N, C-alpha and C. Protein backbone atom coordinates (compact mmCIF):
# COMPACT_ATOMS: atom_id res chain seq x y z
N MET A 1 72.48 47.54 158.32
CA MET A 1 71.72 46.26 158.34
C MET A 1 70.76 46.27 157.25
N GLY A 2 70.66 47.27 156.43
CA GLY A 2 70.01 47.38 155.07
C GLY A 2 68.41 47.71 155.40
N ARG A 3 67.75 47.84 154.15
CA ARG A 3 66.37 48.27 154.20
C ARG A 3 65.36 47.09 154.29
N GLY A 4 65.89 45.85 154.70
CA GLY A 4 64.93 44.76 154.74
C GLY A 4 64.18 44.68 156.14
N CYS A 5 64.72 43.84 156.91
CA CYS A 5 64.17 43.60 158.33
C CYS A 5 65.31 43.63 159.36
N MET A 6 64.91 44.03 160.61
CA MET A 6 65.93 44.09 161.62
C MET A 6 65.54 43.15 162.53
N ALA A 7 66.70 42.69 163.27
CA ALA A 7 66.63 41.78 164.51
C ALA A 7 65.71 40.54 164.41
N GLY A 8 65.55 40.05 163.17
CA GLY A 8 64.65 38.87 163.06
C GLY A 8 63.33 39.02 163.16
N SER A 9 62.81 40.11 163.38
CA SER A 9 61.25 40.27 163.59
C SER A 9 60.50 40.04 162.43
N GLY A 10 60.96 40.20 161.20
CA GLY A 10 60.18 39.99 160.05
C GLY A 10 59.40 41.35 159.58
N ILE A 11 59.54 42.19 160.37
CA ILE A 11 58.82 43.55 160.13
C ILE A 11 59.74 44.43 159.36
N PRO A 12 59.18 45.07 158.21
CA PRO A 12 60.10 45.80 157.27
C PRO A 12 60.72 46.92 158.04
N TYR A 13 61.97 47.42 157.61
CA TYR A 13 62.79 48.27 158.31
C TYR A 13 62.06 49.49 158.79
N ALA A 14 61.51 50.23 157.86
CA ALA A 14 60.77 51.45 158.10
C ALA A 14 59.73 51.31 159.27
N LEU A 15 59.04 50.23 159.16
CA LEU A 15 57.90 49.92 160.18
C LEU A 15 58.70 49.64 161.46
N GLU A 16 59.66 48.85 161.44
CA GLU A 16 60.20 48.47 162.85
C GLU A 16 60.85 49.60 163.55
N THR A 17 61.59 50.52 162.70
CA THR A 17 62.10 51.77 163.16
C THR A 17 60.93 52.75 163.85
N ALA A 18 59.87 52.75 163.00
CA ALA A 18 58.68 53.60 163.45
C ALA A 18 58.13 53.11 164.77
N LEU A 19 57.93 51.77 164.89
CA LEU A 19 57.62 51.04 166.01
C LEU A 19 58.41 51.29 167.31
N SER A 20 59.64 51.33 167.10
CA SER A 20 60.64 51.60 168.27
C SER A 20 60.33 53.06 168.73
N SER A 21 59.99 54.07 167.81
CA SER A 21 59.75 55.40 168.20
C SER A 21 58.52 55.42 168.97
N ILE A 22 57.36 54.66 168.55
CA ILE A 22 56.11 54.61 169.08
C ILE A 22 56.36 54.08 170.59
N VAL A 23 57.06 52.95 170.87
CA VAL A 23 57.22 52.32 172.17
C VAL A 23 57.93 53.47 173.00
N ASP A 24 58.80 54.15 172.41
CA ASP A 24 59.50 55.16 173.45
C ASP A 24 58.32 56.31 173.74
N GLU A 25 57.51 56.78 172.65
CA GLU A 25 56.63 57.83 172.94
C GLU A 25 55.42 57.42 173.79
N LEU A 26 55.16 56.24 173.82
CA LEU A 26 53.84 55.65 174.51
C LEU A 26 54.33 55.03 175.82
N ASP A 27 55.56 55.33 176.29
CA ASP A 27 55.92 54.74 177.58
C ASP A 27 55.34 55.55 178.74
N PHE A 28 54.47 54.88 179.41
CA PHE A 28 53.86 55.52 180.63
C PHE A 28 54.12 54.96 181.98
N ASP A 29 55.14 54.37 181.99
CA ASP A 29 55.71 53.78 183.31
C ASP A 29 55.73 54.85 184.32
N GLY A 30 55.23 54.61 185.48
CA GLY A 30 55.09 55.48 186.65
C GLY A 30 53.70 56.25 186.85
N LEU A 31 52.87 56.19 185.69
CA LEU A 31 51.59 56.74 185.89
C LEU A 31 50.64 55.54 186.59
N GLU A 32 49.77 56.26 187.50
CA GLU A 32 48.79 55.36 188.28
C GLU A 32 47.84 54.72 187.38
N LYS A 33 47.45 55.33 186.33
CA LYS A 33 46.34 54.84 185.35
C LYS A 33 46.76 55.23 183.90
N PRO A 34 47.85 54.56 183.63
CA PRO A 34 48.27 54.81 182.18
C PRO A 34 47.28 54.31 181.03
N PRO A 35 47.29 55.09 179.94
CA PRO A 35 46.47 54.66 178.77
C PRO A 35 47.09 53.20 178.35
N VAL A 36 46.23 52.42 177.84
CA VAL A 36 46.54 51.09 177.39
C VAL A 36 46.52 51.00 175.70
N TRP A 37 47.54 50.36 175.26
CA TRP A 37 47.46 50.16 173.88
C TRP A 37 48.16 48.75 173.60
N LEU A 38 47.66 48.15 172.58
CA LEU A 38 48.10 46.88 172.05
C LEU A 38 48.33 46.97 170.57
N LEU A 39 49.48 46.34 170.13
CA LEU A 39 49.89 46.07 168.78
C LEU A 39 49.08 45.11 168.23
N GLY A 40 48.33 45.34 167.09
CA GLY A 40 47.76 44.24 166.37
C GLY A 40 48.01 44.21 164.95
N GLY A 41 47.21 43.59 164.03
CA GLY A 41 47.22 43.62 162.69
C GLY A 41 48.65 42.91 162.30
N SER A 42 49.13 42.98 161.15
CA SER A 42 50.21 42.30 160.52
C SER A 42 51.37 42.28 161.48
N CYS A 43 51.74 43.37 161.91
CA CYS A 43 53.02 43.58 162.68
C CYS A 43 52.76 42.86 163.94
N GLY A 44 51.78 42.71 164.54
CA GLY A 44 51.53 41.96 165.90
C GLY A 44 51.66 40.51 165.54
N LEU A 45 50.91 40.00 164.44
CA LEU A 45 51.06 38.70 164.12
C LEU A 45 52.42 38.13 163.77
N LEU A 46 53.22 39.10 163.31
CA LEU A 46 54.80 38.62 162.85
C LEU A 46 55.48 38.56 164.30
N LEU A 47 55.14 39.32 165.09
CA LEU A 47 55.81 39.31 166.63
C LEU A 47 55.28 37.99 167.34
N HIS A 48 54.10 37.67 167.05
CA HIS A 48 53.46 36.44 167.66
C HIS A 48 54.33 35.08 167.16
N GLY A 49 54.70 35.27 165.75
CA GLY A 49 55.36 34.10 165.10
C GLY A 49 54.57 33.60 164.17
N VAL A 50 53.50 34.17 163.69
CA VAL A 50 52.64 33.78 162.72
C VAL A 50 53.20 33.92 161.41
N GLN A 51 53.11 32.97 160.48
CA GLN A 51 53.64 33.10 159.12
C GLN A 51 52.71 33.73 158.25
N LEU A 52 52.93 34.82 157.59
CA LEU A 52 52.27 35.54 156.72
C LEU A 52 52.82 35.48 155.40
N THR A 53 51.84 35.72 154.39
CA THR A 53 52.24 35.59 153.07
C THR A 53 52.80 36.95 152.33
N ALA A 54 52.55 37.95 153.07
CA ALA A 54 53.05 39.42 152.73
C ALA A 54 53.51 40.22 153.82
N PRO A 55 54.24 41.09 153.68
CA PRO A 55 54.98 41.73 154.82
C PRO A 55 53.95 42.89 155.26
N PRO A 56 53.95 43.27 156.57
CA PRO A 56 53.06 44.43 156.80
C PRO A 56 53.15 45.66 156.02
N HIS A 57 52.20 46.56 155.94
CA HIS A 57 52.38 47.78 155.15
C HIS A 57 52.05 48.96 156.09
N ASP A 58 51.58 48.76 157.35
CA ASP A 58 51.31 49.84 158.32
C ASP A 58 51.43 49.21 159.82
N ILE A 59 51.17 50.07 160.64
CA ILE A 59 51.15 49.67 162.27
C ILE A 59 49.86 49.94 162.75
N ASP A 60 49.16 49.05 163.43
CA ASP A 60 47.83 49.13 164.06
C ASP A 60 48.11 49.08 165.35
N LEU A 61 47.58 50.14 166.13
CA LEU A 61 47.58 50.43 167.45
C LEU A 61 46.16 50.42 168.03
N TYR A 62 45.79 49.60 168.91
CA TYR A 62 44.33 49.44 169.47
C TYR A 62 44.14 49.79 170.84
N CYS A 63 43.16 50.55 171.15
CA CYS A 63 42.98 51.13 172.54
C CYS A 63 41.55 51.21 172.66
N ASP A 64 41.00 51.43 173.98
CA ASP A 64 39.68 51.87 174.28
C ASP A 64 39.37 53.17 174.04
N LEU A 65 38.00 53.57 173.99
CA LEU A 65 37.72 54.81 173.57
C LEU A 65 38.21 55.79 174.48
N GLU A 66 38.27 55.50 175.89
CA GLU A 66 38.65 56.58 176.95
C GLU A 66 40.12 56.74 176.85
N ASP A 67 40.85 55.96 176.15
CA ASP A 67 42.28 56.28 176.11
C ASP A 67 42.82 56.89 174.69
N THR A 68 41.77 56.89 173.73
CA THR A 68 42.19 57.33 172.49
C THR A 68 42.98 58.74 172.51
N LEU A 69 42.37 59.78 173.07
CA LEU A 69 42.89 61.00 173.02
C LEU A 69 44.13 61.33 173.81
N ARG A 70 44.29 60.48 174.89
CA ARG A 70 45.51 60.64 175.54
C ARG A 70 46.67 60.07 174.72
N LEU A 71 46.43 58.92 174.01
CA LEU A 71 47.37 58.25 173.28
C LEU A 71 47.78 59.31 172.03
N HIS A 72 46.81 59.83 171.50
CA HIS A 72 46.89 60.68 170.38
C HIS A 72 47.77 61.81 170.73
N LYS A 73 47.63 62.41 171.82
CA LYS A 73 48.36 63.60 172.28
C LYS A 73 50.02 63.22 172.34
N SER A 74 50.24 61.97 172.82
CA SER A 74 51.59 61.43 172.75
C SER A 74 52.20 61.42 171.40
N LEU A 75 51.24 61.18 170.32
CA LEU A 75 51.68 60.97 168.97
C LEU A 75 51.48 62.15 168.19
N LEU A 76 51.17 63.34 168.92
CA LEU A 76 50.73 64.53 168.02
C LEU A 76 51.71 64.99 167.10
N ARG A 77 52.96 64.94 167.30
CA ARG A 77 53.95 65.50 166.32
C ARG A 77 54.01 64.59 165.16
N TYR A 78 53.37 63.36 165.18
CA TYR A 78 53.32 62.60 163.88
C TYR A 78 52.04 62.65 163.28
N ALA A 79 51.07 63.28 163.78
CA ALA A 79 49.70 63.09 163.34
C ALA A 79 49.50 63.74 162.05
N VAL A 80 48.72 63.09 161.31
CA VAL A 80 48.16 63.50 159.84
C VAL A 80 46.86 63.91 160.13
N SER A 81 46.04 63.12 160.80
CA SER A 81 44.55 63.49 161.20
C SER A 81 44.28 62.90 162.53
N PRO A 82 43.70 63.69 163.26
CA PRO A 82 43.23 63.31 164.70
C PRO A 82 42.21 62.21 164.70
N PRO A 83 42.00 61.41 165.78
CA PRO A 83 41.05 60.38 165.90
C PRO A 83 39.55 60.97 165.33
N GLU A 84 39.02 60.37 164.47
CA GLU A 84 37.63 60.70 163.98
C GLU A 84 36.75 59.44 163.79
N GLU A 85 35.55 59.50 164.11
CA GLU A 85 34.63 58.30 163.78
C GLU A 85 34.71 57.85 162.50
N ASP A 86 34.94 56.57 162.42
CA ASP A 86 35.03 55.92 161.20
C ASP A 86 33.99 54.76 161.13
N PHE A 87 33.28 54.70 160.07
CA PHE A 87 32.20 53.68 159.98
C PHE A 87 32.41 52.87 158.65
N SER A 88 33.62 52.62 158.24
CA SER A 88 33.87 51.87 157.03
C SER A 88 33.81 50.39 157.27
N GLY A 89 33.42 49.57 156.28
CA GLY A 89 33.46 48.14 156.22
C GLY A 89 32.76 47.50 157.34
N CYS A 90 31.48 47.97 157.71
CA CYS A 90 30.73 47.34 158.87
C CYS A 90 31.40 47.64 160.14
N CYS A 91 32.30 48.32 160.25
CA CYS A 91 33.12 48.56 161.59
C CYS A 91 32.78 50.04 162.11
N TYR A 92 33.10 50.14 163.28
CA TYR A 92 33.16 51.53 163.96
C TYR A 92 34.37 51.69 164.73
N SER A 93 35.03 52.83 164.66
CA SER A 93 36.16 53.24 165.50
C SER A 93 36.51 54.57 165.56
N LEU A 94 37.13 55.12 166.63
CA LEU A 94 37.78 56.41 166.49
C LEU A 94 39.20 56.16 165.91
N ARG A 95 39.43 56.78 164.79
CA ARG A 95 40.71 56.27 163.98
C ARG A 95 41.65 57.51 163.87
N GLY A 96 42.71 57.51 164.21
CA GLY A 96 43.69 58.59 164.07
C GLY A 96 44.86 57.95 163.08
N LEU A 97 45.48 58.98 162.25
CA LEU A 97 46.52 58.53 161.22
C LEU A 97 47.63 59.26 161.42
N TYR A 98 48.86 58.59 161.48
CA TYR A 98 50.20 59.25 161.81
C TYR A 98 51.17 58.58 160.84
N PHE A 99 52.21 59.45 160.62
CA PHE A 99 53.29 58.92 159.66
C PHE A 99 54.65 59.32 160.47
N ILE A 100 55.54 58.19 160.66
CA ILE A 100 56.85 58.40 161.06
C ILE A 100 57.89 57.99 159.87
N GLY A 101 58.37 58.86 159.28
CA GLY A 101 59.10 58.67 158.08
C GLY A 101 58.07 58.15 157.17
N GLU A 102 58.52 56.94 156.48
CA GLU A 102 57.65 56.21 155.48
C GLU A 102 56.53 55.33 156.21
N ALA A 103 56.55 55.27 157.31
CA ALA A 103 55.72 54.27 157.96
C ALA A 103 54.38 54.91 158.35
N LYS A 104 53.30 54.25 158.04
CA LYS A 104 51.97 54.55 158.16
C LYS A 104 51.43 53.96 159.66
N ILE A 105 50.85 54.63 160.54
CA ILE A 105 50.42 54.19 161.72
C ILE A 105 48.90 54.61 161.95
N GLU A 106 48.17 53.66 162.35
CA GLU A 106 46.69 53.97 162.63
C GLU A 106 46.48 53.57 164.19
N LEU A 107 45.79 54.57 164.88
CA LEU A 107 45.41 54.49 166.23
C LEU A 107 43.93 54.20 166.04
N VAL A 108 43.55 53.06 166.63
CA VAL A 108 42.07 52.60 166.56
C VAL A 108 41.43 52.50 167.95
N GLY A 109 40.56 53.28 168.26
CA GLY A 109 40.00 53.31 169.45
C GLY A 109 38.56 52.79 169.48
N GLY A 110 38.17 51.99 170.45
CA GLY A 110 36.80 51.54 170.63
C GLY A 110 36.19 50.74 169.43
N PHE A 111 37.17 49.74 168.81
CA PHE A 111 36.80 49.22 167.55
C PHE A 111 35.63 48.07 167.96
N ARG A 112 34.69 48.07 166.93
CA ARG A 112 33.56 47.15 166.89
C ARG A 112 33.27 46.92 165.48
N MET A 113 32.70 45.70 165.36
CA MET A 113 32.26 45.24 163.88
C MET A 113 31.23 44.48 163.91
N SER A 114 30.48 44.40 162.73
CA SER A 114 29.36 43.45 162.53
C SER A 114 29.51 42.74 161.25
N SER A 115 29.19 41.42 161.21
CA SER A 115 29.22 40.69 159.82
C SER A 115 27.91 39.82 159.84
N GLY A 116 26.98 40.22 159.18
CA GLY A 116 25.77 39.56 159.21
C GLY A 116 25.03 39.86 160.57
N SER A 117 24.63 38.57 161.14
CA SER A 117 24.07 38.63 162.49
C SER A 117 25.18 38.64 163.64
N MET A 118 26.32 38.65 163.17
CA MET A 118 27.43 38.49 164.29
C MET A 118 27.87 39.99 164.55
N GLN A 119 28.21 40.23 165.95
CA GLN A 119 28.74 41.32 166.47
C GLN A 119 30.09 41.18 167.14
N TYR A 120 31.04 42.02 167.00
CA TYR A 120 32.32 41.68 167.80
C TYR A 120 32.76 43.15 168.32
N ALA A 121 33.04 43.29 169.65
CA ALA A 121 33.63 44.59 170.08
C ALA A 121 35.09 44.26 170.68
N VAL A 122 35.93 45.07 170.53
CA VAL A 122 37.31 44.86 171.24
C VAL A 122 37.31 45.73 172.43
N ASP A 123 37.53 45.04 173.61
CA ASP A 123 37.78 45.61 174.88
C ASP A 123 39.14 45.49 175.41
N ILE A 124 39.93 46.48 175.12
CA ILE A 124 41.38 46.38 175.42
C ILE A 124 41.59 46.26 177.03
N ALA A 125 40.70 46.66 177.72
CA ALA A 125 40.70 46.57 179.32
C ALA A 125 40.64 45.00 179.55
N THR A 126 39.99 44.36 178.81
CA THR A 126 39.97 42.81 179.01
C THR A 126 41.13 42.15 178.23
N LEU A 127 41.38 42.58 177.16
CA LEU A 127 42.34 41.85 176.33
C LEU A 127 43.73 42.04 176.90
N GLN A 128 44.19 42.99 177.52
CA GLN A 128 45.41 43.33 178.06
C GLN A 128 45.84 42.39 179.09
N HIS A 129 44.75 41.71 179.77
CA HIS A 129 45.34 40.61 180.85
C HIS A 129 45.70 39.31 180.04
N PHE A 130 45.52 39.23 178.81
CA PHE A 130 45.70 38.08 177.95
C PHE A 130 46.92 38.35 176.99
N ALA A 131 47.38 39.51 177.07
CA ALA A 131 48.24 40.06 176.02
C ALA A 131 49.80 39.58 176.33
N PRO A 132 50.39 39.04 175.45
CA PRO A 132 51.86 38.74 175.52
C PRO A 132 52.54 40.01 175.53
N VAL A 133 53.54 40.12 176.38
CA VAL A 133 54.38 41.35 176.75
C VAL A 133 55.73 40.92 176.57
N ARG A 134 56.53 41.36 175.50
CA ARG A 134 58.00 40.88 175.15
C ARG A 134 58.70 42.05 174.94
N LYS A 135 59.95 42.05 175.23
CA LYS A 135 60.86 43.08 174.73
C LYS A 135 61.71 42.41 173.48
N TYR A 136 61.77 43.17 172.31
CA TYR A 136 62.19 42.89 171.15
C TYR A 136 63.37 43.83 170.86
N GLU A 137 64.47 43.22 170.38
CA GLU A 137 65.71 43.89 170.19
C GLU A 137 65.41 44.83 168.90
N GLY A 138 65.91 46.08 169.05
CA GLY A 138 65.54 47.18 168.03
C GLY A 138 64.12 47.62 168.24
N ILE A 139 63.33 47.23 168.95
CA ILE A 139 61.96 47.77 169.18
C ILE A 139 61.55 48.14 170.52
N GLY A 140 61.90 47.38 171.59
CA GLY A 140 61.53 47.55 172.90
C GLY A 140 60.39 46.72 173.24
N ARG A 141 59.71 47.15 174.52
CA ARG A 141 58.80 46.41 175.08
C ARG A 141 57.45 46.63 174.46
N VAL A 142 56.65 45.53 174.00
CA VAL A 142 55.46 45.63 173.27
C VAL A 142 54.55 44.71 173.76
N SER A 143 53.26 45.13 173.94
CA SER A 143 52.17 44.22 174.30
C SER A 143 51.35 44.05 173.04
N LEU A 144 51.17 42.66 172.83
CA LEU A 144 50.40 42.25 171.61
C LEU A 144 49.01 41.89 171.76
N MET A 145 48.27 42.22 170.62
CA MET A 145 46.74 41.83 170.74
C MET A 145 46.81 40.23 170.89
N PRO A 146 46.08 39.67 171.68
CA PRO A 146 46.11 38.12 171.87
C PRO A 146 45.72 37.62 170.43
N ALA A 147 46.41 36.51 170.28
CA ALA A 147 46.27 35.72 168.91
C ALA A 147 44.81 35.19 168.79
N VAL A 148 44.14 34.83 169.98
CA VAL A 148 42.73 34.42 169.71
C VAL A 148 41.84 35.60 169.33
N HIS A 149 42.02 36.73 169.67
CA HIS A 149 41.33 37.87 169.11
C HIS A 149 41.73 37.94 167.72
N GLU A 150 42.78 37.96 167.18
CA GLU A 150 43.31 37.87 165.69
C GLU A 150 42.48 36.90 164.93
N LEU A 151 42.28 35.75 165.71
CA LEU A 151 41.76 34.56 164.71
C LEU A 151 40.22 35.04 164.60
N LEU A 152 39.46 35.43 165.69
CA LEU A 152 38.16 35.86 165.56
C LEU A 152 37.74 37.02 164.65
N PHE A 153 38.55 37.92 164.89
CA PHE A 153 38.59 39.12 163.89
C PHE A 153 38.74 38.79 162.55
N ASN A 154 39.69 37.90 162.17
CA ASN A 154 39.92 37.60 160.87
C ASN A 154 38.80 36.63 160.34
N LEU A 155 38.29 35.72 161.15
CA LEU A 155 37.18 34.93 160.68
C LEU A 155 35.98 35.73 160.40
N LEU A 156 35.62 36.81 161.18
CA LEU A 156 34.50 37.63 160.74
C LEU A 156 34.93 38.45 159.46
N ARG A 157 36.14 38.71 159.24
CA ARG A 157 36.19 39.40 158.02
C ARG A 157 36.49 38.47 156.84
N GLY A 158 36.47 37.26 157.07
CA GLY A 158 36.44 36.31 155.93
C GLY A 158 37.89 36.07 155.40
N ARG A 159 38.99 36.27 156.11
CA ARG A 159 40.30 36.07 155.77
C ARG A 159 40.77 34.63 156.04
N ASP A 160 40.31 33.73 155.26
CA ASP A 160 40.65 32.11 155.45
C ASP A 160 42.06 31.90 155.61
N GLY A 161 42.98 32.46 154.62
CA GLY A 161 44.39 32.13 154.65
C GLY A 161 45.01 32.70 155.90
N ARG A 162 44.77 33.72 156.45
CA ARG A 162 45.19 34.28 157.79
C ARG A 162 44.63 33.49 158.78
N CYS A 163 43.42 33.14 158.85
CA CYS A 163 42.84 32.32 159.92
C CYS A 163 43.69 31.05 160.04
N GLN A 164 43.98 30.38 159.00
CA GLN A 164 44.67 29.16 158.99
C GLN A 164 46.00 29.33 159.61
N ALA A 165 46.78 30.45 159.30
CA ALA A 165 48.11 30.71 159.78
C ALA A 165 48.03 30.91 161.23
N ILE A 166 46.93 31.70 161.73
CA ILE A 166 46.81 31.94 163.21
C ILE A 166 46.41 30.71 163.84
N ALA A 167 45.46 29.94 163.34
CA ALA A 167 45.19 28.63 164.04
C ALA A 167 46.55 27.74 164.17
N GLU A 168 47.43 27.69 163.27
CA GLU A 168 48.63 26.95 163.36
C GLU A 168 49.46 27.37 164.69
N LEU A 169 49.42 28.57 164.90
CA LEU A 169 50.11 29.12 166.03
C LEU A 169 49.43 28.74 167.34
N LEU A 170 48.09 28.89 167.40
CA LEU A 170 47.21 28.57 168.42
C LEU A 170 47.46 27.09 169.08
N LYS A 171 47.51 26.07 167.84
CA LYS A 171 47.56 24.75 168.13
C LYS A 171 48.80 24.41 168.62
N GLN A 172 49.71 25.25 168.71
CA GLN A 172 51.08 24.88 169.47
C GLN A 172 50.88 24.68 171.04
N ASP A 173 49.97 25.45 171.42
CA ASP A 173 49.72 25.45 172.90
C ASP A 173 48.01 25.74 173.01
N LEU A 174 47.25 25.07 172.45
CA LEU A 174 45.77 25.23 172.53
C LEU A 174 45.36 25.46 173.84
N PRO A 175 45.58 24.57 174.89
CA PRO A 175 44.83 24.79 176.16
C PRO A 175 45.09 26.22 176.70
N ALA A 176 46.28 26.82 176.56
CA ALA A 176 46.51 28.12 176.98
C ALA A 176 45.62 29.29 176.47
N HIS A 177 45.17 28.91 175.24
CA HIS A 177 44.34 30.02 174.53
C HIS A 177 42.86 29.83 174.71
N LEU A 178 42.42 28.71 175.31
CA LEU A 178 41.06 28.40 175.30
C LEU A 178 40.15 29.33 176.32
N PRO A 179 40.79 29.59 177.38
CA PRO A 179 39.89 30.54 178.35
C PRO A 179 39.43 31.84 177.66
N LEU A 180 40.44 32.44 176.89
CA LEU A 180 39.99 33.65 176.20
C LEU A 180 39.07 33.34 175.09
N LEU A 181 39.37 32.40 174.43
CA LEU A 181 38.41 32.02 173.33
C LEU A 181 37.09 31.77 173.68
N HIS A 182 36.80 31.06 174.72
CA HIS A 182 35.42 30.77 175.21
C HIS A 182 35.00 32.17 175.90
N GLN A 183 35.66 33.02 176.44
CA GLN A 183 35.08 34.25 176.94
C GLN A 183 34.74 35.18 175.80
N LEU A 184 35.55 35.34 174.77
CA LEU A 184 35.20 36.20 173.87
C LEU A 184 33.95 35.71 172.94
N ILE A 185 33.76 34.41 172.71
CA ILE A 185 32.66 33.88 172.12
C ILE A 185 31.39 34.09 172.82
N GLN A 186 31.38 34.05 174.31
CA GLN A 186 30.36 34.19 175.10
C GLN A 186 29.83 35.76 175.16
N GLU A 187 30.88 36.51 175.34
CA GLU A 187 30.73 37.88 175.59
C GLU A 187 30.12 38.62 174.33
N ASN A 188 30.48 38.13 173.17
CA ASN A 188 29.95 38.55 171.95
C ASN A 188 29.04 37.84 171.13
N GLY A 189 28.35 36.78 171.91
CA GLY A 189 27.15 36.31 171.43
C GLY A 189 27.55 35.40 170.25
N LEU A 190 28.76 34.84 170.16
CA LEU A 190 29.12 34.12 168.89
C LEU A 190 28.91 32.55 168.86
N GLU A 191 28.20 32.15 169.94
CA GLU A 191 28.00 30.72 170.05
C GLU A 191 27.35 30.02 168.93
N ASP A 192 26.41 30.59 168.24
CA ASP A 192 25.76 29.90 167.04
C ASP A 192 26.44 30.34 165.75
N SER A 193 27.51 31.14 165.76
CA SER A 193 28.01 31.67 164.55
C SER A 193 29.45 30.92 164.12
N LEU A 194 30.23 30.58 164.98
CA LEU A 194 31.51 30.32 164.72
C LEU A 194 32.05 28.81 165.19
N PRO A 195 31.46 28.19 166.00
CA PRO A 195 31.91 26.87 166.44
C PRO A 195 32.29 25.88 165.28
N LEU A 196 31.55 25.72 164.27
CA LEU A 196 31.85 24.86 163.22
C LEU A 196 33.26 25.43 162.36
N LYS A 197 33.39 26.61 162.25
CA LYS A 197 34.44 27.14 161.70
C LYS A 197 35.79 26.85 162.54
N LEU A 198 35.56 27.08 163.91
CA LEU A 198 36.61 27.01 164.91
C LEU A 198 37.07 25.52 164.86
N GLU A 199 35.97 24.64 164.95
CA GLU A 199 36.45 23.11 165.03
C GLU A 199 37.14 22.74 163.73
N ALA A 200 36.85 23.27 162.57
CA ALA A 200 37.56 22.89 161.38
C ALA A 200 39.09 23.43 161.61
N LEU A 201 39.20 24.80 162.06
CA LEU A 201 40.51 25.37 162.07
C LEU A 201 41.41 24.67 163.18
N LEU A 202 40.89 24.51 164.37
CA LEU A 202 41.67 24.00 165.44
C LEU A 202 41.81 22.53 165.72
N GLY A 203 40.86 21.84 164.95
CA GLY A 203 40.93 20.40 165.00
C GLY A 203 40.71 19.72 166.28
N LEU A 204 39.94 20.42 167.14
CA LEU A 204 39.54 19.97 168.43
C LEU A 204 38.13 20.38 168.72
N PRO A 205 37.05 19.47 168.49
CA PRO A 205 35.66 19.91 168.77
C PRO A 205 35.47 20.40 170.22
N SER A 206 36.08 19.61 171.18
CA SER A 206 35.97 20.03 172.51
C SER A 206 36.45 21.42 172.92
N ALA A 207 37.35 22.00 171.95
CA ALA A 207 37.98 23.17 172.27
C ALA A 207 36.84 24.33 172.17
N ILE A 208 35.79 24.00 171.49
CA ILE A 208 34.81 25.14 171.32
C ILE A 208 33.54 24.87 171.96
N GLN A 209 33.35 23.94 172.89
CA GLN A 209 32.24 23.58 173.52
C GLN A 209 32.08 24.69 174.69
N ILE A 210 31.01 25.51 174.62
CA ILE A 210 30.71 26.62 175.57
C ILE A 210 29.76 26.00 176.83
């Protein structure tokens, strides 16, 4: 099938092959309380169907702090560095680095960030209830970070082009995304920071009334 993309996912071959291995390694079916992880970043957005201007260059796996070490142990044979505290870019997380062949993988536990007066924390225990779960040919069953999270995250990072692409996806079925949008805005105290930007992106003033 070549070194481009497999199964129409849009993910480069090396990353897609690595993601398939990750899905196998992090299969915890049968455990009473399995660690939870969600695929985020560019790979997750492509599987959502978001149109990106450049292909992904790595794989981002998100989890809560309490699950970080359990997931790390399952990926130990690929580890370059264990999860360590990272404070770069006004963000905090426990971040581990892994390589499967040419593919770079980051495990990001307990992610939170600040941008000026705005604060945003990722709670996977909450987000998993809104996460699309799909089986992809050549990859397996993957749970994706909700697109609403990706929109807020990229707004706070000032990535206007990517925000526009995510907004186009959300507008295909906006009512389905509004409950989580409202919840994340309220839980993170973003009511005074983002409504005007969200109104411009989503084209529905009523969509962001809290």
